[in-house]
């Protein structure tokens, strides 16, 4: 069984762990990067030409082991569950400020803001 979680990570971390994901979608947070959004799933590989240190916000669908590896990677920060009324960390808010994410925003707020750029990042329950 797989679950979905949001992470602030680097593109290098995404590349290192992408083989563990059932599916993933991301938004590049570096405004200088040529690639704005990306997706991985079913053999599709994206983000070929931007650097490993580029920050990304990713939505990962993976089994428990895939999420465990991400949560223990220092290049990744797990966001709270989207339906929890818990604010994102100051580091995440700072990284997402250019996308219109306000202080004390929740992960649901982040998902809604970034869905304007990549609609598949919107939180869904079904």
PDB file of N, CA and C in Angstrom:
ATOM      1  N   UNK A   1       0.844  -1.175   0.000  1.00  0.00           N
ATOM      2  CA  UNK A   1       0.000   0.000   0.000  1.00  0.00           C
ATOM      3  C   UNK A   1       0.886   1.234   0.000  1.00  0.00           C
ATOM      4  N   UNK A   2       0.496   2.225  -0.779  1.00  0.00           N
ATOM      5  CA  UNK A   2       1.286   3.445  -0.865  1.00  0.00           C
ATOM      6  C   UNK A   2       0.557   4.596  -0.194  1.00  0.00           C
ATOM      7  N   UNK A   3       1.316   5.622   0.172  1.00  0.00           N
ATOM      8  CA  UNK A   3       0.782   6.843   0.731  1.00  0.00           C
ATOM      9  C   UNK A   3       1.451   8.025   0.076  1.00  0.00           C
ATOM     10  N   UNK A   4       0.821   9.204   0.194  1.00  0.00           N
ATOM     11  CA  UNK A   4       1.358  10.419  -0.403  1.00  0.00           C
ATOM     12  C   UNK A   4       1.795  11.380   0.693  1.00  0.00           C
ATOM     13  N   UNK A   5       2.971  11.970   0.498  1.00  0.00           N
ATOM     14  CA  UNK A   5       3.493  12.984   1.418  1.00  0.00           C
ATOM     15  C   UNK A   5       4.212  14.058   0.618  1.00  0.00           C
ATOM     16  N   UNK A   6       4.282  15.251   1.188  1.00  0.00           N
ATOM     17  CA  UNK A   6       4.986  16.376   0.589  1.00  0.00           C
ATOM     18  C   UNK A   6       6.337  16.548   1.282  1.00  0.00           C
ATOM     19  N   UNK A   7       7.351  16.914   0.499  1.00  0.00           N
ATOM     20  CA  UNK A   7       8.700  17.134   1.024  1.00  0.00           C
ATOM     21  C   UNK A   7       9.322  18.353   0.376  1.00  0.00           C
ATOM     22  N   UNK A   8      10.093  19.092   1.143  1.00  0.00           N
ATOM     23  CA  UNK A   8      11.014  20.081   0.605  1.00  0.00           C
ATOM     24  C   UNK A   8      12.336  19.352   0.495  1.00  0.00           C
ATOM     25  N   UNK A   9      12.907  19.330  -0.694  1.00  0.00           N
ATOM     26  CA  UNK A   9      14.113  18.542  -0.927  1.00  0.00           C
ATOM     27  C   UNK A   9      14.969  19.231  -1.975  1.00  0.00           C
ATOM     28  N   UNK A  10      16.045  18.588  -2.321  1.00  0.00           N
ATOM     29  CA  UNK A  10      16.862  19.042  -3.446  1.00  0.00           C
ATOM     30  C   UNK A  10      16.596  18.096  -4.615  1.00  0.00           C
ATOM     31  N   UNK A  11      16.889  18.577  -5.788  1.00  0.00           N
ATOM     32  CA  UNK A  11      16.699  17.726  -6.958  1.00  0.00           C
ATOM     33  C   UNK A  11      17.605  16.499  -6.893  1.00  0.00           C
ATOM     34  N   UNK A  12      18.786  16.668  -6.313  1.00  0.00           N
ATOM     35  CA  UNK A  12      19.689  15.529  -6.148  1.00  0.00           C
ATOM     36  C   UNK A  12      19.090  14.449  -5.266  1.00  0.00           C
ATOM     37  N   UNK A  13      18.428  14.847  -4.180  1.00  0.00           N
ATOM     38  CA  UNK A  13      17.773  13.866  -3.307  1.00  0.00           C
ATOM     39  C   UNK A  13      16.643  13.171  -4.050  1.00  0.00           C
ATOM     40  N   UNK A  14      15.880  13.931  -4.813  1.00  0.00           N
ATOM     41  CA  UNK A  14      14.808  13.328  -5.613  1.00  0.00           C
ATOM     42  C   UNK A  14      15.386  12.295  -6.578  1.00  0.00           C
ATOM     43  N   UNK A  15      16.476  12.651  -7.246  1.00  0.00           N
ATOM     44  CA  UNK A  15      17.107  11.723  -8.195  1.00  0.00           C
ATOM     45  C   UNK A  15      17.620  10.459  -7.494  1.00  0.00           C
ATOM     46  N   UNK A  16      18.214  10.627  -6.299  1.00  0.00           N
ATOM     47  CA  UNK A  16      18.752   9.471  -5.565  1.00  0.00           C
ATOM     48  C   UNK A  16      17.669   8.487  -5.170  1.00  0.00           C
ATOM     49  N   UNK A  17      16.496   8.998  -4.842  1.00  0.00           N
ATOM     50  CA  UNK A  17      15.447   8.157  -4.275  1.00  0.00           C
ATOM     51  C   UNK A  17      14.297   7.866  -5.226  1.00  0.00           C
ATOM     52  N   UNK A  18      14.293   8.431  -6.416  1.00  0.00           N
ATOM     53  CA  UNK A  18      13.148   8.319  -7.324  1.00  0.00           C
ATOM     54  C   UNK A  18      12.787   6.879  -7.663  1.00  0.00           C
ATOM     55  N   UNK A  19      13.745   5.985  -7.675  1.00  0.00           N
ATOM     56  CA  UNK A  19      13.431   4.588  -8.000  1.00  0.00           C
ATOM     57  C   UNK A  19      12.553   3.925  -6.942  1.00  0.00           C
ATOM     58  N   UNK A  20      12.437   4.543  -5.757  1.00  0.00           N
ATOM     59  CA  UNK A  20      11.617   3.984  -4.680  1.00  0.00           C
ATOM     60  C   UNK A  20      10.153   4.431  -4.774  1.00  0.00           C
ATOM     61  N   UNK A  21       9.869   5.418  -5.616  1.00  0.00           N
ATOM     62  CA  UNK A  21       8.540   6.008  -5.657  1.00  0.00           C
ATOM     63  C   UNK A  21       7.634   5.274  -6.633  1.00  0.00           C
ATOM     64  N   UNK A  22       6.374   5.143  -6.263  1.00  0.00           N
ATOM     65  CA  UNK A  22       5.380   4.667  -7.209  1.00  0.00           C
ATOM     66  C   UNK A  22       5.081   5.781  -8.208  1.00  0.00           C
ATOM     67  N   UNK A  23       5.152   7.017  -7.733  1.00  0.00           N
ATOM     68  CA  UNK A  23       4.883   8.189  -8.551  1.00  0.00           C
ATOM     69  C   UNK A  23       5.366   9.409  -7.778  1.00  0.00           C
ATOM     70  N   UNK A  24       5.740  10.458  -8.488  1.00  0.00           N
ATOM     71  CA  UNK A  24       6.078  11.711  -7.823  1.00  0.00           C
ATOM     72  C   UNK A  24       5.888  12.868  -8.779  1.00  0.00           C
ATOM     73  N   UNK A  25       5.632  14.018  -8.195  1.00  0.00           N
ATOM     74  CA  UNK A  25       5.486  15.271  -8.943  1.00  0.00           C
ATOM     75  C   UNK A  25       6.258  16.323  -8.160  1.00  0.00           C
ATOM     76  N   UNK A  26       6.840  17.269  -8.871  1.00  0.00           N
ATOM     77  CA  UNK A  26       7.577  18.305  -8.164  1.00  0.00           C
ATOM     78  C   UNK A  26       7.493  19.645  -8.870  1.00  0.00           C
ATOM     79  N   UNK A  27       7.799  20.690  -8.100  1.00  0.00           N
ATOM     80  CA  UNK A  27       7.947  22.046  -8.614  1.00  0.00           C
ATOM     81  C   UNK A  27       9.340  22.501  -8.234  1.00  0.00           C
ATOM     82  N   UNK A  28      10.073  22.992  -9.222  1.00  0.00           N
ATOM     83  CA  UNK A  28      11.403  23.541  -8.977  1.00  0.00           C
ATOM     84  C   UNK A  28      11.221  24.904  -8.338  1.00  0.00           C
ATOM     85  N   UNK A  29      11.911  25.155  -7.234  1.00  0.00           N
ATOM     86  CA  UNK A  29      11.754  26.403  -6.493  1.00  0.00           C
ATOM     87  C   UNK A  29      12.791  27.445  -6.850  1.00  0.00           C
ATOM     88  N   UNK A  30      13.691  27.130  -7.763  1.00  0.00           N
ATOM     89  CA  UNK A  30      14.703  28.077  -8.218  1.00  0.00           C
ATOM     90  C   UNK A  30      14.156  28.806  -9.443  1.00  0.00           C
ATOM     91  N   UNK A  31      13.894  30.115  -9.328  1.00  0.00           N
ATOM     92  CA  UNK A  31      13.301  30.825 -10.468  1.00  0.00           C
ATOM     93  C   UNK A  31      14.213  30.881 -11.692  1.00  0.00           C
ATOM     94  N   UNK A  32      15.502  30.619 -11.534  1.00  0.00           N
ATOM     95  CA  UNK A  32      16.431  30.655 -12.661  1.00  0.00           C
ATOM     96  C   UNK A  32      16.417  29.356 -13.459  1.00  0.00           C
ATOM     97  N   UNK A  33      15.822  28.324 -12.925  1.00  0.00           N
ATOM     98  CA  UNK A  33      15.821  27.017 -13.586  1.00  0.00           C
ATOM     99  C   UNK A  33      14.893  27.034 -14.791  1.00  0.00           C
ATOM    100  N   UNK A  34      15.285  26.330 -15.833  1.00  0.00           N
ATOM    101  CA  UNK A  34      14.475  26.262 -17.052  1.00  0.00           C
ATOM    102  C   UNK A  34      13.244  25.395 -16.872  1.00  0.00           C
ATOM    103  N   UNK A  35      13.334  24.384 -16.026  1.00  0.00           N
ATOM    104  CA  UNK A  35      12.247  23.436 -15.841  1.00  0.00           C
ATOM    105  C   UNK A  35      11.408  23.875 -14.653  1.00  0.00           C
ATOM    106  N   UNK A  36      10.143  24.156 -14.867  1.00  0.00           N
ATOM    107  CA  UNK A  36       9.281  24.623 -13.783  1.00  0.00           C
ATOM    108  C   UNK A  36       8.646  23.475 -13.020  1.00  0.00           C
ATOM    109  N   UNK A  37       8.185  22.477 -13.716  1.00  0.00           N
ATOM    110  CA  UNK A  37       7.522  21.359 -13.050  1.00  0.00           C
ATOM    111  C   UNK A  37       8.062  20.060 -13.598  1.00  0.00           C
ATOM    112  N   UNK A  38       7.915  19.018 -12.828  1.00  0.00           N
ATOM    113  CA  UNK A  38       8.390  17.718 -13.274  1.00  0.00           C
ATOM    114  C   UNK A  38       7.521  16.615 -12.729  1.00  0.00           C
ATOM    115  N   UNK A  39       7.714  15.462 -13.290  1.00  0.00           N
ATOM    116  CA  UNK A  39       6.918  14.312 -12.899  1.00  0.00           C
ATOM    117  C   UNK A  39       7.736  13.061 -13.159  1.00  0.00           C
ATOM    118  N   UNK A  40       7.558  12.092 -12.310  1.00  0.00           N
ATOM    119  CA  UNK A  40       8.202  10.803 -12.511  1.00  0.00           C
ATOM    120  C   UNK A  40       7.175   9.725 -12.256  1.00  0.00           C
ATOM    121  N   UNK A  41       7.134   8.773 -13.110  1.00  0.00           N
ATOM    122  CA  UNK A  41       6.240   7.646 -12.921  1.00  0.00           C
ATOM    123  C   UNK A  41       6.220   6.805 -14.171  1.00  0.00           C
ATOM    124  N   UNK A  42       6.061   5.538 -14.018  1.00  0.00           N
ATOM    125  CA  UNK A  42       5.942   4.606 -15.137  1.00  0.00           C
ATOM    126  C   UNK A  42       7.050   4.788 -16.164  1.00  0.00           C
ATOM    127  N   UNK A  43       8.279   4.936 -15.695  1.00  0.00           N
ATOM    128  CA  UNK A  43       9.413   5.012 -16.602  1.00  0.00           C
ATOM    129  C   UNK A  43       9.697   6.390 -17.154  1.00  0.00           C
ATOM    130  N   UNK A  44       8.932   7.393 -16.781  1.00  0.00           N
ATOM    131  CA  UNK A  44       9.146   8.747 -17.275  1.00  0.00           C
ATOM    132  C   UNK A  44      10.170   9.440 -16.382  1.00  0.00           C
ATOM    133  N   UNK A  45      11.221  10.003 -16.963  1.00  0.00           N
ATOM    134  CA  UNK A  45      12.240  10.708 -16.194  1.00  0.00           C
ATOM    135  C   UNK A  45      12.281  12.151 -16.637  1.00  0.00           C
ATOM    136  N   UNK A  46      12.313  13.062 -15.675  1.00  0.00           N
ATOM    137  CA  UNK A  46      12.338  14.488 -15.979  1.00  0.00           C
ATOM    138  C   UNK A  46      13.516  15.131 -15.271  1.00  0.00           C
ATOM    139  N   UNK A  47      13.714  16.407 -15.496  1.00  0.00           N
ATOM    140  CA  UNK A  47      14.717  17.209 -14.804  1.00  0.00           C
ATOM    141  C   UNK A  47      16.128  16.813 -15.150  1.00  0.00           C
ATOM    142  N   UNK A  48      16.430  16.718 -16.403  1.00  0.00           N
ATOM    143  CA  UNK A  48      17.745  16.287 -16.824  1.00  0.00           C
ATOM    144  C   UNK A  48      18.844  17.313 -16.723  1.00  0.00           C
ATOM    145  N   UNK A  49      18.561  18.609 -16.884  1.00  0.00           N
ATOM    146  CA  UNK A  49      19.623  19.585 -17.064  1.00  0.00           C
ATOM    147  C   UNK A  49      19.794  20.591 -15.926  1.00  0.00           C
ATOM    148  N   UNK A  50      19.141  20.435 -14.796  1.00  0.00           N
ATOM    149  CA  UNK A  50      19.341  21.372 -13.704  1.00  0.00           C
ATOM    150  C   UNK A  50      20.113  20.698 -12.586  1.00  0.00           C
ATOM    151  N   UNK A  51      20.771  21.503 -11.742  1.00  0.00           N
ATOM    152  CA  UNK A  51      21.704  20.968 -10.768  1.00  0.00           C
ATOM    153  C   UNK A  51      21.079  20.243  -9.597  1.00  0.00           C
ATOM    154  N   UNK A  52      21.867  19.365  -8.997  1.00  0.00           N
ATOM    155  CA  UNK A  52      21.402  18.567  -7.861  1.00  0.00           C
ATOM    156  C   UNK A  52      21.067  19.397  -6.632  1.00  0.00           C
ATOM    157  N   UNK A  53      21.640  20.585  -6.489  1.00  0.00           N
ATOM    158  CA  UNK A  53      21.377  21.420  -5.315  1.00  0.00           C
ATOM    159  C   UNK A  53      20.110  22.259  -5.472  1.00  0.00           C
ATOM    160  N   UNK A  54      19.451  22.185  -6.614  1.00  0.00           N
ATOM    161  CA  UNK A  54      18.244  22.963  -6.867  1.00  0.00           C
ATOM    162  C   UNK A  54      17.135  22.520  -5.920  1.00  0.00           C
ATOM    163  N   UNK A  55      16.526  23.465  -5.187  1.00  0.00           N
ATOM    164  CA  UNK A  55      15.442  23.087  -4.269  1.00  0.00           C
ATOM    165  C   UNK A  55      14.159  22.767  -5.034  1.00  0.00           C
ATOM    166  N   UNK A  56      13.446  21.759  -4.564  1.00  0.00           N
ATOM    167  CA  UNK A  56      12.169  21.355  -5.149  1.00  0.00           C
ATOM    168  C   UNK A  56      11.191  21.026  -4.033  1.00  0.00           C
ATOM    169  N   UNK A  57       9.915  21.217  -4.322  1.00  0.00           N
ATOM    170  CA  UNK A  57       8.876  20.708  -3.447  1.00  0.00           C
ATOM    171  C   UNK A  57       8.291  19.512  -4.176  1.00  0.00           C
ATOM    172  N   UNK A  58       8.280  18.368  -3.510  1.00  0.00           N
ATOM    173  CA  UNK A  58       7.821  17.147  -4.165  1.00  0.00           C
ATOM    174  C   UNK A  58       6.624  16.539  -3.439  1.00  0.00           C
ATOM    175  N   UNK A  59       5.756  15.964  -4.224  1.00  0.00           N
ATOM    176  CA  UNK A  59       4.674  15.126  -3.718  1.00  0.00           C
ATOM    177  C   UNK A  59       5.045  13.712  -4.114  1.00  0.00           C
ATOM    178  N   UNK A  60       5.242  12.871  -3.122  1.00  0.00           N
ATOM    179  CA  UNK A  60       5.717  11.508  -3.358  1.00  0.00           C
ATOM    180  C   UNK A  60       4.635  10.513  -2.989  1.00  0.00           C
ATOM    181  N   UNK A  61       4.400   9.591  -3.904  1.00  0.00           N
ATOM    182  CA  UNK A  61       3.564   8.438  -3.605  1.00  0.00           C
ATOM    183  C   UNK A  61       4.497   7.242  -3.544  1.00  0.00           C
ATOM    184  N   UNK A  62       4.570   6.640  -2.371  1.00  0.00           N
ATOM    185  CA  UNK A  62       5.499   5.524  -2.164  1.00  0.00           C
ATOM    186  C   UNK A  62       5.004   4.669  -1.011  1.00  0.00           C
ATOM    187  N   UNK A  63       5.633   3.512  -0.866  1.00  0.00           N
ATOM    188  CA  UNK A  63       5.307   2.677   0.281  1.00  0.00           C
ATOM    189  C   UNK A  63       6.029   3.226   1.512  1.00  0.00           C
ATOM    190  N   UNK A  64       5.805   2.601   2.632  1.00  0.00           N
ATOM    191  CA  UNK A  64       6.361   3.069   3.894  1.00  0.00           C
ATOM    192  C   UNK A  64       7.883   3.163   3.863  1.00  0.00           C
ATOM    193  N   UNK A  65       8.535   2.205   3.222  1.00  0.00           N
ATOM    194  CA  UNK A  65       9.990   2.211   3.127  1.00  0.00           C
ATOM    195  C   UNK A  65      10.512   3.403   2.350  1.00  0.00           C
ATOM    196  N   UNK A  66       9.834   3.768   1.267  1.00  0.00           N
ATOM    197  CA  UNK A  66      10.238   4.930   0.481  1.00  0.00           C
ATOM    198  C   UNK A  66      10.140   6.215   1.280  1.00  0.00           C
ATOM    199  N   UNK A  67       9.071   6.354   2.049  1.00  0.00           N
ATOM    200  CA  UNK A  67       8.914   7.550   2.887  1.00  0.00           C
ATOM    201  C   UNK A  67       9.929   7.556   4.026  1.00  0.00           C
ATOM    202  N   UNK A  68      10.204   6.392   4.590  1.00  0.00           N
ATOM    203  CA  UNK A  68      11.185   6.301   5.675  1.00  0.00           C
ATOM    204  C   UNK A  68      12.554   6.787   5.208  1.00  0.00           C
ATOM    205  N   UNK A  69      12.972   6.377   4.019  1.00  0.00           N
ATOM    206  CA  UNK A  69      14.270   6.790   3.483  1.00  0.00           C
ATOM    207  C   UNK A  69      14.304   8.301   3.290  1.00  0.00           C
ATOM    208  N   UNK A  70      13.235   8.878   2.749  1.00  0.00           N
ATOM    209  CA  UNK A  70      13.195  10.331   2.555  1.00  0.00           C
ATOM    210  C   UNK A  70      13.242  11.080   3.877  1.00  0.00           C
ATOM    211  N   UNK A  71      12.508  10.603   4.860  1.00  0.00           N
ATOM    212  CA  UNK A  71      12.465  11.274   6.159  1.00  0.00           C
ATOM    213  C   UNK A  71      13.810  11.240   6.864  1.00  0.00           C
ATOM    214  N   UNK A  72      14.656  10.283   6.516  1.00  0.00           N
ATOM    215  CA  UNK A  72      15.979  10.183   7.139  1.00  0.00           C
ATOM    216  C   UNK A  72      17.091  10.773   6.286  1.00  0.00           C
ATOM    217  N   UNK A  73      16.753  11.367   5.170  1.00  0.00           N
ATOM    218  CA  UNK A  73      17.731  12.024   4.312  1.00  0.00           C
ATOM    219  C   UNK A  73      17.835  13.488   4.743  1.00  0.00           C
ATOM    220  N   UNK A  74      19.052  13.975   5.086  1.00  0.00           N
ATOM    221  CA  UNK A  74      19.179  15.368   5.532  1.00  0.00           C
ATOM    222  C   UNK A  74      18.835  16.393   4.449  1.00  0.00           C
ATOM    223  N   UNK A  75      18.776  15.986   3.195  1.00  0.00           N
ATOM    224  CA  UNK A  75      18.426  16.904   2.113  1.00  0.00           C
ATOM    225  C   UNK A  75      16.911  17.018   1.922  1.00  0.00           C
ATOM    226  N   UNK A  76      16.128  16.315   2.737  1.00  0.00           N
ATOM    227  CA  UNK A  76      14.671  16.312   2.618  1.00  0.00           C
ATOM    228  C   UNK A  76      14.039  16.715   3.945  1.00  0.00           C
ATOM    229  N   UNK A  77      12.982  17.489   3.857  1.00  0.00           N
ATOM    230  CA  UNK A  77      12.198  17.825   5.043  1.00  0.00           C
ATOM    231  C   UNK A  77      10.745  17.495   4.760  1.00  0.00           C
ATOM    232  N   UNK A  78      10.185  16.605   5.549  1.00  0.00           N
ATOM    233  CA  UNK A  78       8.779  16.225   5.393  1.00  0.00           C
ATOM    234  C   UNK A  78       7.888  17.346   5.909  1.00  0.00           C
ATOM    235  N   UNK A  79       6.860  17.666   5.153  1.00  0.00           N
ATOM    236  CA  UNK A  79       5.867  18.624   5.593  1.00  0.00           C
ATOM    237  C   UNK A  79       4.806  17.891   6.401  1.00  0.00           C
ATOM    238  N   UNK A  80       4.105  18.587   7.308  1.00  0.00           N
ATOM    239  CA  UNK A  80       3.037  17.931   8.063  1.00  0.00           C
ATOM    240  C   UNK A  80       1.939  17.418   7.128  1.00  0.00           C
ATOM    241  N   UNK A  81       1.138  16.487   7.610  1.00  0.00           N
ATOM    242  CA  UNK A  81       0.027  15.973   6.818  1.00  0.00           C
ATOM    243  C   UNK A  81      -0.848  17.149   6.371  1.00  0.00           C
ATOM    244  N   UNK A  82      -1.329  17.138   5.133  1.00  0.00           N
ATOM    245  CA  UNK A  82      -2.104  18.276   4.623  1.00  0.00           C
ATOM    246  C   UNK A  82      -3.371  18.597   5.403  1.00  0.00           C
ATOM    247  N   UNK A  83      -3.973  17.621   6.055  1.00  0.00           N
ATOM    248  CA  UNK A  83      -5.197  17.887   6.798  1.00  0.00           C
ATOM    249  C   UNK A  83      -4.942  18.210   8.263  1.00  0.00           C
ATOM    250  N   UNK A  84      -3.701  18.131   8.704  1.00  0.00           N
ATOM    251  CA  UNK A  84      -3.353  18.532  10.070  1.00  0.00           C
ATOM    252  C   UNK A  84      -3.261  20.058  10.099  1.00  0.00           C
ATOM    253  N   UNK A  85      -3.786  20.647  11.093  1.00  0.00           N
ATOM    254  CA  UNK A  85      -3.729  22.099  11.215  1.00  0.00           C
ATOM    255  C   UNK A  85      -2.420  22.524  11.873  1.00  0.00           C
ATOM    256  N   UNK A  86      -1.319  22.058  11.281  1.00  0.00           N
ATOM    257  CA  UNK A  86       0.017  22.349  11.798  1.00  0.00           C
ATOM    258  C   UNK A  86       0.765  23.172  10.760  1.00  0.00           C
ATOM    259  N   UNK A  87       1.402  24.227  11.206  1.00  0.00           N
ATOM    260  CA  UNK A  87       2.138  25.111  10.298  1.00  0.00           C
ATOM    261  C   UNK A  87       3.392  24.437   9.774  1.00  0.00           C
ATOM    262  N   UNK A  88       3.780  24.817   8.557  1.00  0.00           N
ATOM    263  CA  UNK A  88       5.041  24.353   7.992  1.00  0.00           C
ATOM    264  C   UNK A  88       6.178  25.037   8.740  1.00  0.00           C
ATOM    265  N   UNK A  89       7.364  24.514   8.630  1.00  0.00           N
ATOM    266  CA  UNK A  89       8.516  25.074   9.331  1.00  0.00           C
ATOM    267  C   UNK A  89       8.930  26.400   8.693  1.00  0.00           C
ATOM    268  N   UNK A  90       9.630  27.236   9.444  1.00  0.00           N
ATOM    269  CA  UNK A  90      10.137  28.499   8.871  1.00  0.00           C
ATOM    270  C   UNK A  90      11.032  28.282   7.655  1.00  0.00           C
ATOM    271  N   UNK A  91      11.803  27.198   7.635  1.00  0.00           N
ATOM    272  CA  UNK A  91      12.669  26.918   6.484  1.00  0.00           C
ATOM    273  C   UNK A  91      11.843  26.640   5.233  1.00  0.00           C
ATOM    274  N   UNK A  92      10.770  25.876   5.382  1.00  0.00           N
ATOM    275  CA  UNK A  92       9.902  25.581   4.244  1.00  0.00           C
ATOM    276  C   UNK A  92       9.201  26.858   3.791  1.00  0.00           C
ATOM    277  N   UNK A  93       8.699  27.634   4.729  1.00  0.00           N
ATOM    278  CA  UNK A  93       8.019  28.881   4.368  1.00  0.00           C
ATOM    279  C   UNK A  93       8.960  29.817   3.631  1.00  0.00           C
ATOM    280  N   UNK A  94      10.192  29.915   4.083  1.00  0.00           N
ATOM    281  CA  UNK A  94      11.171  30.767   3.416  1.00  0.00           C
ATOM    282  C   UNK A  94      11.427  30.304   1.984  1.00  0.00           C
ATOM    283  N   UNK A  95      11.535  29.006   1.795  1.00  0.00           N
ATOM    284  CA  UNK A  95      11.781  28.461   0.454  1.00  0.00           C
ATOM    285  C   UNK A  95      10.588  28.668  -0.473  1.00  0.00           C
ATOM    286  N   UNK A  96       9.392  28.756   0.087  1.00  0.00           N
ATOM    287  CA  UNK A  96       8.175  28.861  -0.714  1.00  0.00           C
ATOM    288  C   UNK A  96       7.578  30.270  -0.750  1.00  0.00           C
ATOM    289  N   UNK A  97       8.233  31.226  -0.126  1.00  0.00           N
ATOM    290  CA  UNK A  97       7.690  32.591  -0.057  1.00  0.00           C
ATOM    291  C   UNK A  97       7.460  33.179  -1.448  1.00  0.00           C
ATOM    292  N   UNK A  98       8.340  32.903  -2.390  1.00  0.00           N
ATOM    293  CA  UNK A  98       8.193  33.438  -3.750  1.00  0.00           C
ATOM    294  C   UNK A  98       6.955  32.886  -4.455  1.00  0.00           C
ATOM    295  N   UNK A  99       6.432  31.760  -3.982  1.00  0.00           N
ATOM    296  CA  UNK A  99       5.227  31.173  -4.566  1.00  0.00           C
ATOM    297  C   UNK A  99       3.961  31.665  -3.862  1.00  0.00           C
ATOM    298  N   UNK A 100       4.097  32.627  -2.962  1.00  0.00           N
ATOM    299  CA  UNK A 100       2.949  33.203  -2.279  1.00  0.00           C
ATOM    300  C   UNK A 100       2.526  32.475  -1.022  1.00  0.00           C
ATOM    301  N   UNK A 101       3.398  31.648  -0.475  1.00  0.00           N
ATOM    302  CA  UNK A 101       3.070  30.925   0.748  1.00  0.00           C
ATOM    303  C   UNK A 101       3.359  31.839   1.944  1.00  0.00           C
ATOM    304  N   UNK A 102       2.336  32.092   2.732  1.00  0.00           N
ATOM    305  CA  UNK A 102       2.437  33.013   3.859  1.00  0.00           C
ATOM    306  C   UNK A 102       3.010  32.346   5.101  1.00  0.00           C
ATOM    307  N   UNK A 103       3.421  33.170   6.064  1.00  0.00           N
ATOM    308  CA  UNK A 103       3.855  32.645   7.361  1.00  0.00           C
ATOM    309  C   UNK A 103       2.698  31.892   7.997  1.00  0.00           C
ATOM    310  N   UNK A 104       3.026  30.880   8.756  1.00  0.00           N
ATOM    311  CA  UNK A 104       2.046  30.037   9.454  1.00  0.00           C
ATOM    312  C   UNK A 104       1.122  29.283   8.509  1.00  0.00           C
ATOM    313  N   UNK A 105       1.513  29.117   7.267  1.00  0.00           N
ATOM    314  CA  UNK A 105       0.723  28.335   6.316  1.00  0.00           C
ATOM    315  C   UNK A 105       0.804  26.860   6.688  1.00  0.00           C
ATOM    316  N   UNK A 106      -0.213  26.123   6.307  1.00  0.00           N
ATOM    317  CA  UNK A 106      -0.231  24.682   6.504  1.00  0.00           C
ATOM    318  C   UNK A 106       0.187  24.001   5.200  1.00  0.00           C
ATOM    319  N   UNK A 107       0.382  22.710   5.248  1.00  0.00           N
ATOM    320  CA  UNK A 107       0.716  21.974   4.034  1.00  0.00           C
ATOM    321  C   UNK A 107      -0.427  22.058   3.027  1.00  0.00           C
ATOM    322  N   UNK A 108      -1.650  22.096   3.495  1.00  0.00           N
ATOM    323  CA  UNK A 108      -2.792  22.259   2.587  1.00  0.00           C
ATOM    324  C   UNK A 108      -2.676  23.582   1.844  1.00  0.00           C
ATOM    325  N   UNK A 109      -2.309  24.658   2.547  1.00  0.00           N
ATOM    326  CA  UNK A 109      -2.106  25.970   1.909  1.00  0.00           C
ATOM    327  C   UNK A 109      -0.998  25.906   0.863  1.00  0.00           C
ATOM    328  N   UNK A 110       0.077  25.202   1.185  1.00  0.00           N
ATOM    329  CA  UNK A 110       1.192  25.030   0.245  1.00  0.00           C
ATOM    330  C   UNK A 110       0.705  24.303  -1.008  1.00  0.00           C
ATOM    331  N   UNK A 111      -0.028  23.217  -0.820  1.00  0.00           N
ATOM    332  CA  UNK A 111      -0.520  22.429  -1.954  1.00  0.00           C
ATOM    333  C   UNK A 111      -1.428  23.272  -2.846  1.00  0.00           C
ATOM    334  N   UNK A 112      -2.282  24.089  -2.246  1.00  0.00           N
ATOM    335  CA  UNK A 112      -3.168  24.944  -3.032  1.00  0.00           C
ATOM    336  C   UNK A 112      -2.386  26.002  -3.797  1.00  0.00           C
ATOM    337  N   UNK A 113      -1.386  26.599  -3.162  1.00  0.00           N
ATOM    338  CA  UNK A 113      -0.577  27.628  -3.824  1.00  0.00           C
ATOM    339  C   UNK A 113       0.203  27.047  -5.000  1.00  0.00           C
ATOM    340  N   UNK A 114       0.820  25.895  -4.799  1.00  0.00           N
ATOM    341  CA  UNK A 114       1.636  25.298  -5.854  1.00  0.00           C
ATOM    342  C   UNK A 114       0.800  24.611  -6.928  1.00  0.00           C
ATOM    343  N   UNK A 115      -0.459  24.322  -6.635  1.00  0.00           N
ATOM    344  CA  UNK A 115      -1.340  23.730  -7.646  1.00  0.00           C
ATOM    345  C   UNK A 115      -1.604  24.712  -8.780  1.00  0.00           C
ATOM    346  N   UNK A 116      -1.375  25.996  -8.544  1.00  0.00           N
ATOM    347  CA  UNK A 116      -1.497  26.973  -9.631  1.00  0.00           C
ATOM    348  C   UNK A 116      -0.416  26.753 -10.677  1.00  0.00           C
ATOM    349  N   UNK A 117       0.734  26.222 -10.257  1.00  0.00           N
ATOM    350  CA  UNK A 117       1.844  25.942 -11.165  1.00  0.00           C
ATOM    351  C   UNK A 117       1.754  24.510 -11.683  1.00  0.00           C
ATOM    352  N   UNK A 118       1.446  23.584 -10.798  1.00  0.00           N
ATOM    353  CA  UNK A 118       1.383  22.149 -11.149  1.00  0.00           C
ATOM    354  C   UNK A 118       0.123  21.571 -10.502  1.00  0.00           C
ATOM    355  N   UNK A 119      -0.979  21.478 -11.250  1.00  0.00           N
ATOM    356  CA  UNK A 119      -2.264  21.057 -10.673  1.00  0.00           C
ATOM    357  C   UNK A 119      -2.248  19.727  -9.945  1.00  0.00           C
ATOM    358  N   UNK A 120      -1.341  18.823 -10.288  1.00  0.00           N
ATOM    359  CA  UNK A 120      -1.318  17.526  -9.617  1.00  0.00           C
ATOM    360  C   UNK A 120      -0.748  17.588  -8.202  1.00  0.00           C
ATOM    361  N   UNK A 121      -0.251  18.751  -7.785  1.00  0.00           N
ATOM    362  CA  UNK A 121       0.213  18.906  -6.402  1.00  0.00           C
ATOM    363  C   UNK A 121      -0.932  19.205  -5.435  1.00  0.00           C
ATOM    364  N   UNK A 122      -2.108  19.502  -5.953  1.00  0.00           N
ATOM    365  CA  UNK A 122      -3.274  19.769  -5.090  1.00  0.00           C
ATOM    366  C   UNK A 122      -3.568  18.524  -4.262  1.00  0.00           C
ATOM    367  N   UNK A 123      -3.894  18.738  -2.992  1.00  0.00           N
ATOM    368  CA  UNK A 123      -4.211  17.607  -2.115  1.00  0.00           C
ATOM    369  C   UNK A 123      -5.575  17.025  -2.509  1.00  0.00           C
ATOM    370  N   UNK A 124      -5.600  15.703  -2.639  1.00  0.00           N
ATOM    371  CA  UNK A 124      -6.827  14.996  -2.985  1.00  0.00           C
ATOM    372  C   UNK A 124      -7.002  13.815  -2.052  1.00  0.00           C
ATOM    373  N   UNK A 125      -8.246  13.560  -1.693  1.00  0.00           N
ATOM    374  CA  UNK A 125      -8.567  12.378  -0.909  1.00  0.00           C
ATOM    375  C   UNK A 125      -9.578  11.578  -1.714  1.00  0.00           C
ATOM    376  N   UNK A 126      -9.187  10.395  -2.145  1.00  0.00           N
ATOM    377  CA  UNK A 126     -10.121   9.487  -2.820  1.00  0.00           C
ATOM    378  C   UNK A 126      -9.559   8.102  -2.860  1.00  0.00           C
TER     379      UNK A 126
END
